[in-house]
Amino acid sequence: MGRSIPRDTILEDTDIVIPIMGATGAGKSTFINRLLGKDLLEVGHKLSSCTVNLRPVIYEHRLNTPSLRGRRGIIVDTPGLDDTYVGDVEILTRIAGWLERSYRKQMVLGVLYLHDVSQDRFSGTARRNLEMFNHLCGDAALDKVILAITKGGRLAPDNVKRREEELKSVHWKSMIDKRSVVRQFFGTTKSAQDIINIFLERASRRQREQIMKLHIQIQAELVDNRKFIPQTEAGKQLRYTLQEVLALQKQMISLESDLAQGGDPEAEAKLREAEEKMRKMEDQVKALKVSLSNRIGRKLKKLLGI
């Protein structure tokens, strides 16, 4: 029903590409395993992420219908933007690269966003992932998004219903207003297939010419407008978030420095750790700055039609 393919596999013009996105621990790998009916991807049971690369798999179920015959379903497991081992800049670059390649080949694209409803509250991490996701897609493409609730089985049905209503009325309201669809993933193969079948049915209904006009924002920014990743809306949002965190980190270093001056070994260790974190954040912020020479080169290429 499904098989893994190389990360940098050549995409075909008729592929239906569906990235699975969401915070670390939302259940992306589990969803894909249930969809395929076998444990193809490693599933993490800790707060750290198991997915550090984009992992595409071929989904062959229901692609033998007349309207979809000869096409491949490509399901892409993506790392969360709070990934433990890879910086957010690198993760954004990887996701943007896949989206750019799929757009250049004018492929059908739908996006599935997973949210762990068992979390006690809508955390800052969840909010940051959602904001970045919104900037990746852009308002015009939100009608191709499915927002799926996961891990509802860990809660009483009344609690799941209450939290789902909160998501719909507060956190996801603007997306739903722009025709994003909400579904619940019940942890079964049928449930996963029912969700993916929504994308396949849309692809089956529409004429290819109409489908090709649809794209998500970051794809158009990278391909049509020839922007660098730092110039995209998603890149700007990430830079702004990192700068906020960096400012807080500098405040923490100032406090730890005062304590370390008193000769406290524990305070000195915390100071070194905080300084190392700040250096890494500064590197990420620098990575999101486009040099003047790169900007001029891009403008010249655009003028010359290169």
C-alpha atoms as a PDB file:
ATOM      1  CA  MET A   1       0.000   0.000   0.000  1.00  0.00           C
ATOM      2  CA  GLY A   2       2.939   2.305   0.598  1.00  0.00           C
ATOM      3  CA  ARG A   3       6.692   2.357   0.301  1.00  0.00           C
ATOM      4  CA  SER A   4       9.456   4.725   1.296  1.00  0.00           C
ATOM      5  CA  ILE A   5      11.266   6.653  -1.426  1.00  0.00           C
ATOM      6  CA  PRO A   6      14.560   8.609  -1.342  1.00  0.00           C
ATOM      7  CA  ARG A   7      14.320  12.052   0.284  1.00  0.00           C
ATOM      8  CA  ASP A   8      15.464  13.800  -2.896  1.00  0.00           C
ATOM      9  CA  THR A   9      13.448  11.604  -5.254  1.00  0.00           C
ATOM     10  CA  ILE A  10      12.492  13.074  -8.619  1.00  0.00           C
ATOM     11  CA  LEU A  11       8.899  14.244  -8.441  1.00  0.00           C
ATOM     12  CA  GLU A  12       6.666  13.491 -11.390  1.00  0.00           C
ATOM     13  CA  ASP A  13       4.402  16.079 -12.984  1.00  0.00           C
ATOM     14  CA  THR A  14       1.270  14.137 -12.047  1.00  0.00           C
ATOM     15  CA  ASP A  15       2.166  13.491  -8.387  1.00  0.00           C
ATOM     16  CA  ILE A  16      -0.303  14.468  -5.693  1.00  0.00           C
ATOM     17  CA  VAL A  17       1.961  15.823  -2.944  1.00  0.00           C
ATOM     18  CA  ILE A  18       0.521  16.030   0.577  1.00  0.00           C
ATOM     19  CA  PRO A  19       2.894  17.260   3.323  1.00  0.00           C
ATOM     20  CA  ILE A  20       1.946  16.267   6.875  1.00  0.00           C
ATOM     21  CA  MET A  21       2.847  19.140   9.196  1.00  0.00           C
ATOM     22  CA  GLY A  22       2.525  20.006  12.889  1.00  0.00           C
ATOM     23  CA  ALA A  23       4.530  20.354  16.087  1.00  0.00           C
ATOM     24  CA  THR A  24       6.897  17.652  17.314  1.00  0.00           C
ATOM     25  CA  GLY A  25       4.836  14.937  18.998  1.00  0.00           C
ATOM     26  CA  ALA A  26       1.590  15.732  17.156  1.00  0.00           C
ATOM     27  CA  GLY A  27       1.582  12.235  15.647  1.00  0.00           C
ATOM     28  CA  LYS A  28       2.735  12.773  12.047  1.00  0.00           C
ATOM     29  CA  SER A  29       4.712   9.534  11.744  1.00  0.00           C
ATOM     30  CA  THR A  30       1.939   7.584  13.495  1.00  0.00           C
ATOM     31  CA  PHE A  31      -0.628   9.002  11.071  1.00  0.00           C
ATOM     32  CA  ILE A  32       1.442   7.890   8.061  1.00  0.00           C
ATOM     33  CA  ASN A  33       2.015   4.416   9.524  1.00  0.00           C
ATOM     34  CA  ARG A  34      -1.733   3.980  10.067  1.00  0.00           C
ATOM     35  CA  LEU A  35      -2.430   5.311   6.585  1.00  0.00           C
ATOM     36  CA  LEU A  36      -0.083   2.747   5.038  1.00  0.00           C
ATOM     37  CA  GLY A  37      -1.232  -0.060   7.336  1.00  0.00           C
ATOM     38  CA  LYS A  38       2.306  -0.836   8.483  1.00  0.00           C
ATOM     39  CA  ASP A  39       5.037   0.632  10.686  1.00  0.00           C
ATOM     40  CA  LEU A  40       7.234   2.157   8.000  1.00  0.00           C
ATOM     41  CA  LEU A  41       8.349   5.253   9.932  1.00  0.00           C
ATOM     42  CA  GLU A  42       9.878   5.460  13.402  1.00  0.00           C
ATOM     43  CA  VAL A  43       7.514   6.871  16.010  1.00  0.00           C
ATOM     44  CA  GLY A  44       8.835   8.948  18.905  1.00  0.00           C
ATOM     45  CA  HIS A  45       7.493   8.559  22.439  1.00  0.00           C
ATOM     46  CA  LYS A  46       9.587  11.356  23.916  1.00  0.00           C
ATOM     47  CA  LEU A  47       9.526  15.126  23.596  1.00  0.00           C
ATOM     48  CA  SER A  48      12.477  14.987  21.206  1.00  0.00           C
ATOM     49  CA  SER A  49      11.729  14.580  17.519  1.00  0.00           C
ATOM     50  CA  CYS A  50      12.412  11.416  15.498  1.00  0.00           C
ATOM     51  CA  THR A  51      11.983  13.246  12.182  1.00  0.00           C
ATOM     52  CA  VAL A  52      14.913  15.467  11.195  1.00  0.00           C
ATOM     53  CA  ASN A  53      14.510  15.171   7.421  1.00  0.00           C
ATOM     54  CA  LEU A  54      11.490  15.335   5.155  1.00  0.00           C
ATOM     55  CA  ARG A  55      10.506  11.723   4.512  1.00  0.00           C
ATOM     56  CA  PRO A  56       8.326  11.049   1.464  1.00  0.00           C
ATOM     57  CA  VAL A  57       6.428   7.795   0.979  1.00  0.00           C
ATOM     58  CA  ILE A  58       4.285   6.642  -1.931  1.00  0.00           C
ATOM     59  CA  TYR A  59       0.610   6.114  -1.086  1.00  0.00           C
ATOM     60  CA  GLU A  60      -1.036   3.811  -3.619  1.00  0.00           C
ATOM     61  CA  HIS A  61      -4.438   3.174  -2.059  1.00  0.00           C
ATOM     62  CA  ARG A  62      -7.384   4.381  -4.201  1.00  0.00           C
ATOM     63  CA  LEU A  63      -5.128   5.772  -6.925  1.00  0.00           C
ATOM     64  CA  ASN A  64      -6.460   3.182  -9.387  1.00  0.00           C
ATOM     65  CA  THR A  65      -9.682   5.114  -9.988  1.00  0.00           C
ATOM     66  CA  PRO A  66     -10.110   6.375 -13.602  1.00  0.00           C
ATOM     67  CA  SER A  67      -9.488  10.029 -12.752  1.00  0.00           C
ATOM     68  CA  LEU A  68      -6.331   9.302 -10.734  1.00  0.00           C
ATOM     69  CA  ARG A  69      -4.932   6.294 -12.616  1.00  0.00           C
ATOM     70  CA  GLY A  70      -1.257   6.677 -13.433  1.00  0.00           C
ATOM     71  CA  ARG A  71      -0.641   9.241 -10.702  1.00  0.00           C
ATOM     72  CA  ARG A  72       1.251   8.818  -7.444  1.00  0.00           C
ATOM     73  CA  GLY A  73       0.225   9.987  -4.019  1.00  0.00           C
ATOM     74  CA  ILE A  74       3.293  11.326  -2.188  1.00  0.00           C
ATOM     75  CA  ILE A  75       2.841  11.728   1.573  1.00  0.00           C
ATOM     76  CA  VAL A  76       5.650  13.783   3.143  1.00  0.00           C
ATOM     77  CA  ASP A  77       6.504  13.483   6.839  1.00  0.00           C
ATOM     78  CA  THR A  78       8.015  16.799   7.979  1.00  0.00           C
ATOM     79  CA  PRO A  79       9.920  17.801  11.134  1.00  0.00           C
ATOM     80  CA  GLY A  80       8.198  20.160  13.555  1.00  0.00           C
ATOM     81  CA  LEU A  81       9.529  23.716  13.735  1.00  0.00           C
ATOM     82  CA  ASP A  82      10.449  23.028  17.364  1.00  0.00           C
ATOM     83  CA  ASP A  83      12.693  20.138  16.322  1.00  0.00           C
ATOM     84  CA  THR A  84      15.243  19.076  18.949  1.00  0.00           C
ATOM     85  CA  TYR A  85      18.211  18.367  16.694  1.00  0.00           C
ATOM     86  CA  VAL A  86      17.845  20.720  13.746  1.00  0.00           C
ATOM     87  CA  GLY A  87      17.529  24.509  13.833  1.00  0.00           C
ATOM     88  CA  ASP A  88      14.285  26.093  12.701  1.00  0.00           C
ATOM     89  CA  VAL A  89      16.042  27.835   9.804  1.00  0.00           C
ATOM     90  CA  GLU A  90      17.256  24.499   8.423  1.00  0.00           C
ATOM     91  CA  ILE A  91      13.805  22.928   8.847  1.00  0.00           C
ATOM     92  CA  LEU A  92      12.116  25.828   7.052  1.00  0.00           C
ATOM     93  CA  THR A  93      14.681  25.524   4.254  1.00  0.00           C
ATOM     94  CA  ARG A  94      13.954  21.819   3.811  1.00  0.00           C
ATOM     95  CA  ILE A  95      10.174  22.262   3.784  1.00  0.00           C
ATOM     96  CA  ALA A  96      10.406  25.234   1.414  1.00  0.00           C
ATOM     97  CA  GLY A  97      12.672  23.245  -0.924  1.00  0.00           C
ATOM     98  CA  TRP A  98      10.125  20.455  -1.272  1.00  0.00           C
ATOM     99  CA  LEU A  99       7.266  22.890  -1.823  1.00  0.00           C
ATOM    100  CA  GLU A 100       9.281  24.827  -4.381  1.00  0.00           C
ATOM    101  CA  ARG A 101      10.116  21.689  -6.379  1.00  0.00           C
ATOM    102  CA  SER A 102       6.506  20.516  -6.356  1.00  0.00           C
ATOM    103  CA  TYR A 103       5.313  23.943  -7.524  1.00  0.00           C
ATOM    104  CA  ARG A 104       7.860  24.136 -10.340  1.00  0.00           C
ATOM    105  CA  LYS A 105       6.475  20.818 -11.618  1.00  0.00           C
ATOM    106  CA  GLN A 106       2.912  22.156 -11.259  1.00  0.00           C
ATOM    107  CA  MET A 107       1.686  19.305  -9.073  1.00  0.00           C
ATOM    108  CA  VAL A 108      -1.481  19.031  -7.055  1.00  0.00           C
ATOM    109  CA  LEU A 109      -0.882  20.001  -3.443  1.00  0.00           C
ATOM    110  CA  GLY A 110      -2.886  19.622  -0.265  1.00  0.00           C
ATOM    111  CA  VAL A 111      -1.591  20.167   3.269  1.00  0.00           C
ATOM    112  CA  LEU A 112      -2.542  18.258   6.417  1.00  0.00           C
ATOM    113  CA  TYR A 113      -1.831  19.937   9.763  1.00  0.00           C
ATOM    114  CA  LEU A 114      -1.965  17.775  12.929  1.00  0.00           C
ATOM    115  CA  HIS A 115      -2.583  19.046  16.458  1.00  0.00           C
ATOM    116  CA  ASP A 116      -2.290  17.016  19.676  1.00  0.00           C
ATOM    117  CA  VAL A 117      -5.548  17.753  21.502  1.00  0.00           C
ATOM    118  CA  SER A 118      -4.360  15.935  24.650  1.00  0.00           C
ATOM    119  CA  GLN A 119      -2.039  18.838  25.511  1.00  0.00           C
ATOM    120  CA  ASP A 120      -3.357  20.719  28.563  1.00  0.00           C
ATOM    121  CA  ARG A 121      -3.251  24.075  26.825  1.00  0.00           C
ATOM    122  CA  PHE A 122      -2.443  25.691  23.499  1.00  0.00           C
ATOM    123  CA  SER A 123       1.260  26.197  24.203  1.00  0.00           C
ATOM    124  CA  GLY A 124       3.636  28.772  22.817  1.00  0.00           C
ATOM    125  CA  THR A 125       5.224  26.026  20.707  1.00  0.00           C
ATOM    126  CA  ALA A 126       1.857  25.067  19.223  1.00  0.00           C
ATOM    127  CA  ARG A 127       1.078  28.719  18.509  1.00  0.00           C
ATOM    128  CA  ARG A 128       4.477  29.280  16.860  1.00  0.00           C
ATOM    129  CA  ASN A 129       4.030  26.210  14.646  1.00  0.00           C
ATOM    130  CA  LEU A 130       0.560  27.361  13.638  1.00  0.00           C
ATOM    131  CA  GLU A 131       1.735  30.899  12.829  1.00  0.00           C
ATOM    132  CA  MET A 132       4.593  29.559  10.716  1.00  0.00           C
ATOM    133  CA  PHE A 133       2.213  27.157   8.981  1.00  0.00           C
ATOM    134  CA  ASN A 134      -0.131  30.034   8.145  1.00  0.00           C
ATOM    135  CA  HIS A 135       2.735  32.045   6.652  1.00  0.00           C
ATOM    136  CA  LEU A 136       3.866  29.045   4.602  1.00  0.00           C
ATOM    137  CA  CYS A 137       0.414  28.559   3.117  1.00  0.00           C
ATOM    138  CA  GLY A 138      -0.920  32.096   2.769  1.00  0.00           C
ATOM    139  CA  ASP A 139      -4.595  33.016   3.028  1.00  0.00           C
ATOM    140  CA  ALA A 140      -5.398  32.154  -0.581  1.00  0.00           C
ATOM    141  CA  ALA A 141      -4.487  28.469  -0.119  1.00  0.00           C
ATOM    142  CA  LEU A 142      -6.209  27.758   3.203  1.00  0.00           C
ATOM    143  CA  ASP A 143      -9.085  26.038   1.413  1.00  0.00           C
ATOM    144  CA  LYS A 144      -6.624  23.222   0.631  1.00  0.00           C
ATOM    145  CA  VAL A 145      -5.744  22.696   4.303  1.00  0.00           C
ATOM    146  CA  ILE A 146      -7.155  20.014   6.603  1.00  0.00           C
ATOM    147  CA  LEU A 147      -6.683  20.604  10.334  1.00  0.00           C
ATOM    148  CA  ALA A 148      -6.713  17.238  12.097  1.00  0.00           C
ATOM    149  CA  ILE A 149      -7.045  16.639  15.823  1.00  0.00           C
ATOM    150  CA  THR A 150      -4.912  13.763  17.152  1.00  0.00           C
ATOM    151  CA  LYS A 151      -4.624  11.757  20.410  1.00  0.00           C
ATOM    152  CA  GLY A 152      -8.223  12.376  21.431  1.00  0.00           C
ATOM    153  CA  GLY A 153      -8.321   8.836  22.818  1.00  0.00           C
ATOM    154  CA  ARG A 154      -6.239  10.003  25.784  1.00  0.00           C
ATOM    155  CA  LEU A 155      -9.104  12.204  27.022  1.00  0.00           C
ATOM    156  CA  ALA A 156     -12.727  11.797  27.967  1.00  0.00           C
ATOM    157  CA  PRO A 157     -15.051  12.493  24.984  1.00  0.00           C
ATOM    158  CA  ASP A 158     -16.462  15.618  26.667  1.00  0.00           C
ATOM    159  CA  ASN A 159     -12.962  17.070  27.077  1.00  0.00           C
ATOM    160  CA  VAL A 160     -12.114  16.349  23.435  1.00  0.00           C
ATOM    161  CA  LYS A 161     -15.299  18.081  22.319  1.00  0.00           C
ATOM    162  CA  ARG A 162     -14.600  21.097  24.538  1.00  0.00           C
ATOM    163  CA  ARG A 163     -11.023  21.477  23.282  1.00  0.00           C
ATOM    164  CA  GLU A 164     -12.100  20.996  19.672  1.00  0.00           C
ATOM    165  CA  GLU A 165     -14.648  23.789  20.053  1.00  0.00           C
ATOM    166  CA  GLU A 166     -11.960  26.043  21.536  1.00  0.00           C
ATOM    167  CA  LEU A 167      -9.676  25.343  18.565  1.00  0.00           C
ATOM    168  CA  LYS A 168     -12.473  26.065  16.104  1.00  0.00           C
ATOM    169  CA  SER A 169     -13.698  29.230  17.793  1.00  0.00           C
ATOM    170  CA  VAL A 170     -10.323  30.742  18.763  1.00  0.00           C
ATOM    171  CA  HIS A 171      -7.062  29.351  17.380  1.00  0.00           C
ATOM    172  CA  TRP A 172      -8.305  28.005  14.040  1.00  0.00           C
ATOM    173  CA  LYS A 173     -11.210  30.381  13.452  1.00  0.00           C
ATOM    174  CA  SER A 174      -9.531  32.560  10.819  1.00  0.00           C
ATOM    175  CA  MET A 175      -8.413  29.452   8.896  1.00  0.00           C
ATOM    176  CA  ILE A 176     -11.870  27.870   9.033  1.00  0.00           C
ATOM    177  CA  ASP A 177     -13.355  31.162   7.826  1.00  0.00           C
ATOM    178  CA  LYS A 178     -11.111  30.760   4.765  1.00  0.00           C
ATOM    179  CA  ARG A 179     -12.469  27.227   4.192  1.00  0.00           C
ATOM    180  CA  SER A 180      -9.932  25.047   5.994  1.00  0.00           C
ATOM    181  CA  VAL A 181     -11.572  21.767   7.066  1.00  0.00           C
ATOM    182  CA  VAL A 182     -11.400  20.207  10.556  1.00  0.00           C
ATOM    183  CA  ARG A 183     -11.333  16.439  11.111  1.00  0.00           C
ATOM    184  CA  GLN A 184     -10.391  14.101  13.959  1.00  0.00           C
ATOM    185  CA  PHE A 185      -7.839  11.319  13.530  1.00  0.00           C
ATOM    186  CA  PHE A 186      -8.940   8.354  15.633  1.00  0.00           C
ATOM    187  CA  GLY A 187      -5.668   6.419  15.370  1.00  0.00           C
ATOM    188  CA  THR A 188      -6.942   3.835  12.862  1.00  0.00           C
ATOM    189  CA  THR A 189      -6.112   3.043   9.250  1.00  0.00           C
ATOM    190  CA  LYS A 190      -9.661   3.854   8.170  1.00  0.00           C
ATOM    191  CA  SER A 191      -9.574   7.216   9.926  1.00  0.00           C
ATOM    192  CA  ALA A 192      -6.266   8.149   8.245  1.00  0.00           C
ATOM    193  CA  GLN A 193      -7.533   7.030   4.846  1.00  0.00           C
ATOM    194  CA  ASP A 194     -10.783   8.964   5.260  1.00  0.00           C
ATOM    195  CA  ILE A 195      -8.784  12.162   5.827  1.00  0.00           C
ATOM    196  CA  ILE A 196      -6.413  11.620   2.884  1.00  0.00           C
ATOM    197  CA  ASN A 197      -9.362  10.655   0.671  1.00  0.00           C
ATOM    198  CA  ILE A 198     -10.649  14.228   1.053  1.00  0.00           C
ATOM    199  CA  PHE A 199      -7.565  15.415  -0.860  1.00  0.00           C
ATOM    200  CA  LEU A 200      -7.919  12.654  -3.444  1.00  0.00           C
ATOM    201  CA  GLU A 201     -11.591  13.380  -4.006  1.00  0.00           C
ATOM    202  CA  ARG A 202     -10.804  17.048  -4.559  1.00  0.00           C
ATOM    203  CA  ALA A 203      -8.124  16.096  -7.081  1.00  0.00           C
ATOM    204  CA  SER A 204     -10.554  13.747  -8.771  1.00  0.00           C
ATOM    205  CA  ARG A 205     -13.293  16.395  -9.044  1.00  0.00           C
ATOM    206  CA  ARG A 206     -11.345  19.292 -10.447  1.00  0.00           C
ATOM    207  CA  GLN A 207      -9.942  19.759 -13.900  1.00  0.00           C
ATOM    208  CA  ARG A 208      -6.133  19.757 -13.975  1.00  0.00           C
ATOM    209  CA  GLU A 209      -6.029  23.279 -15.418  1.00  0.00           C
ATOM    210  CA  GLN A 210      -7.968  24.607 -12.426  1.00  0.00           C
ATOM    211  CA  ILE A 211      -5.860  22.709  -9.922  1.00  0.00           C
ATOM    212  CA  MET A 212      -2.634  24.075 -11.354  1.00  0.00           C
ATOM    213  CA  LYS A 213      -3.714  27.611 -10.531  1.00  0.00           C
ATOM    214  CA  LEU A 214      -3.679  26.775  -6.836  1.00  0.00           C
ATOM    215  CA  HIS A 215      -0.472  27.083  -4.861  1.00  0.00           C
ATOM    216  CA  ILE A 216       0.625  27.997  -1.412  1.00  0.00           C
ATOM    217  CA  GLN A 217       2.218  31.319  -0.676  1.00  0.00           C
ATOM    218  CA  ILE A 218       5.822  30.303  -0.113  1.00  0.00           C
ATOM    219  CA  GLN A 219       5.895  28.432  -3.436  1.00  0.00           C
ATOM    220  CA  ALA A 220       4.834  31.534  -5.376  1.00  0.00           C
ATOM    221  CA  GLU A 221       7.306  33.660  -3.399  1.00  0.00           C
ATOM    222  CA  LEU A 222      10.221  31.317  -4.177  1.00  0.00           C
ATOM    223  CA  VAL A 223       9.390  30.517  -7.808  1.00  0.00           C
ATOM    224  CA  ASP A 224       7.322  33.369  -9.290  1.00  0.00           C
ATOM    225  CA  ASN A 225       8.734  36.258  -7.261  1.00  0.00           C
ATOM    226  CA  ARG A 226      12.241  34.763  -7.027  1.00  0.00           C
ATOM    227  CA  LYS A 227      12.591  35.571  -3.367  1.00  0.00           C
ATOM    228  CA  PHE A 228      15.131  34.061  -1.019  1.00  0.00           C
ATOM    229  CA  ILE A 229      13.703  32.156   1.977  1.00  0.00           C
ATOM    230  CA  PRO A 230      14.524  35.054   4.373  1.00  0.00           C
ATOM    231  CA  GLN A 231      12.416  37.365   2.181  1.00  0.00           C
ATOM    232  CA  THR A 232       9.300  35.159   2.332  1.00  0.00           C
ATOM    233  CA  GLU A 233       6.566  35.843   4.859  1.00  0.00           C
ATOM    234  CA  ALA A 234       7.418  32.609   6.675  1.00  0.00           C
ATOM    235  CA  GLY A 235      11.099  33.586   6.821  1.00  0.00           C
ATOM    236  CA  LYS A 236      10.256  37.047   8.164  1.00  0.00           C
ATOM    237  CA  GLN A 237       7.993  35.556  10.843  1.00  0.00           C
ATOM    238  CA  LEU A 238      10.701  33.112  11.925  1.00  0.00           C
ATOM    239  CA  ARG A 239      13.315  35.898  12.115  1.00  0.00           C
ATOM    240  CA  TYR A 240      10.970  38.032  14.224  1.00  0.00           C
ATOM    241  CA  THR A 241      10.314  35.133  16.615  1.00  0.00           C
ATOM    242  CA  LEU A 242      14.028  34.342  16.953  1.00  0.00           C
ATOM    243  CA  GLN A 243      14.826  37.974  17.660  1.00  0.00           C
ATOM    244  CA  GLU A 244      12.235  37.994  20.454  1.00  0.00           C
ATOM    245  CA  VAL A 245      13.721  34.841  21.996  1.00  0.00           C
ATOM    246  CA  LEU A 246      17.225  36.244  21.586  1.00  0.00           C
ATOM    247  CA  ALA A 247      16.269  39.382  23.523  1.00  0.00           C
ATOM    248  CA  LEU A 248      14.945  37.235  26.386  1.00  0.00           C
ATOM    249  CA  GLN A 249      18.087  35.089  26.305  1.00  0.00           C
ATOM    250  CA  LYS A 250      20.265  38.181  26.686  1.00  0.00           C
ATOM    251  CA  GLN A 251      18.261  39.194  29.765  1.00  0.00           C
ATOM    252  CA  MET A 252      18.809  35.724  31.263  1.00  0.00           C
ATOM    253  CA  ILE A 253      22.551  35.954  30.593  1.00  0.00           C
ATOM    254  CA  SER A 254      22.672  39.297  32.384  1.00  0.00           C
ATOM    255  CA  LEU A 255      21.015  37.764  35.464  1.00  0.00           C
ATOM    256  CA  GLU A 256      23.221  34.653  35.410  1.00  0.00           C
ATOM    257  CA  SER A 257      26.322  36.851  35.033  1.00  0.00           C
ATOM    258  CA  ASP A 258      25.476  38.718  38.247  1.00  0.00           C
ATOM    259  CA  LEU A 259      25.114  35.417  40.122  1.00  0.00           C
ATOM    260  CA  ALA A 260      28.287  33.937  38.627  1.00  0.00           C
ATOM    261  CA  GLN A 261      30.356  36.870  39.855  1.00  0.00           C
ATOM    262  CA  GLY A 262      29.721  35.624  43.374  1.00  0.00           C
ATOM    263  CA  GLY A 263      31.682  32.442  42.638  1.00  0.00           C
ATOM    264  CA  ASP A 264      28.654  30.124  42.397  1.00  0.00           C
ATOM    265  CA  PRO A 265      29.785  27.096  40.245  1.00  0.00           C
ATOM    266  CA  GLU A 266      26.198  26.240  39.317  1.00  0.00           C
ATOM    267  CA  ALA A 267      25.536  29.816  38.209  1.00  0.00           C
ATOM    268  CA  GLU A 268      28.744  29.779  36.152  1.00  0.00           C
ATOM    269  CA  ALA A 269      27.634  26.571  34.394  1.00  0.00           C
ATOM    270  CA  LYS A 270      24.214  28.061  33.652  1.00  0.00           C
ATOM    271  CA  LEU A 271      25.878  31.195  32.304  1.00  0.00           C
ATOM    272  CA  ARG A 272      28.020  29.181  29.873  1.00  0.00           C
ATOM    273  CA  GLU A 273      24.969  27.215  28.755  1.00  0.00           C
ATOM    274  CA  ALA A 274      22.946  30.403  28.224  1.00  0.00           C
ATOM    275  CA  GLU A 275      25.794  32.000  26.261  1.00  0.00           C
ATOM    276  CA  GLU A 276      26.011  28.945  23.990  1.00  0.00           C
ATOM    277  CA  LYS A 277      22.259  29.067  23.327  1.00  0.00           C
ATOM    278  CA  MET A 278      22.500  32.745  22.486  1.00  0.00           C
ATOM    279  CA  ARG A 279      25.332  32.120  19.998  1.00  0.00           C
ATOM    280  CA  LYS A 280      23.239  29.478  18.232  1.00  0.00           C
ATOM    281  CA  MET A 281      20.249  31.828  18.049  1.00  0.00           C
ATOM    282  CA  GLU A 282      22.422  34.615  16.679  1.00  0.00           C
ATOM    283  CA  ASP A 283      23.655  32.215  13.974  1.00  0.00           C
ATOM    284  CA  GLN A 284      20.049  31.410  13.024  1.00  0.00           C
ATOM    285  CA  VAL A 285      19.115  35.098  12.828  1.00  0.00           C
ATOM    286  CA  LYS A 286      22.164  35.734  10.615  1.00  0.00           C
ATOM    287  CA  ALA A 287      21.101  32.839   8.364  1.00  0.00           C
ATOM    288  CA  LEU A 288      17.815  34.626   7.755  1.00  0.00           C
ATOM    289  CA  LYS A 289      19.488  37.772   6.432  1.00  0.00           C
ATOM    290  CA  VAL A 290      19.961  38.067   2.675  1.00  0.00           C
ATOM    291  CA  SER A 291      23.247  39.693   1.625  1.00  0.00           C
ATOM    292  CA  LEU A 292      23.191  42.746  -0.650  1.00  0.00           C
ATOM    293  CA  SER A 293      25.126  40.890  -3.364  1.00  0.00           C
ATOM    294  CA  ASN A 294      22.560  38.064  -3.373  1.00  0.00           C
ATOM    295  CA  ARG A 295      19.696  40.534  -3.689  1.00  0.00           C
ATOM    296  CA  ILE A 296      21.371  42.368  -6.577  1.00  0.00           C
ATOM    297  CA  GLY A 297      22.145  39.052  -8.291  1.00  0.00           C
ATOM    298  CA  ARG A 298      18.545  37.926  -7.983  1.00  0.00           C
ATOM    299  CA  LYS A 299      17.238  41.236  -9.407  1.00  0.00           C
ATOM    300  CA  LEU A 300      19.671  41.050 -12.356  1.00  0.00           C
ATOM    301  CA  LYS A 301      18.559  37.491 -13.146  1.00  0.00           C
ATOM    302  CA  LYS A 302      14.932  38.578 -13.029  1.00  0.00           C
ATOM    303  CA  LEU A 303      15.600  41.503 -15.391  1.00  0.00           C
ATOM    304  CA  LEU A 304      17.531  39.296 -17.794  1.00  0.00           C
ATOM    305  CA  GLY A 305      14.908  36.552 -17.641  1.00  0.00           C
ATOM    306  CA  ILE A 306      17.404  33.998 -16.385  1.00  0.00           C
END
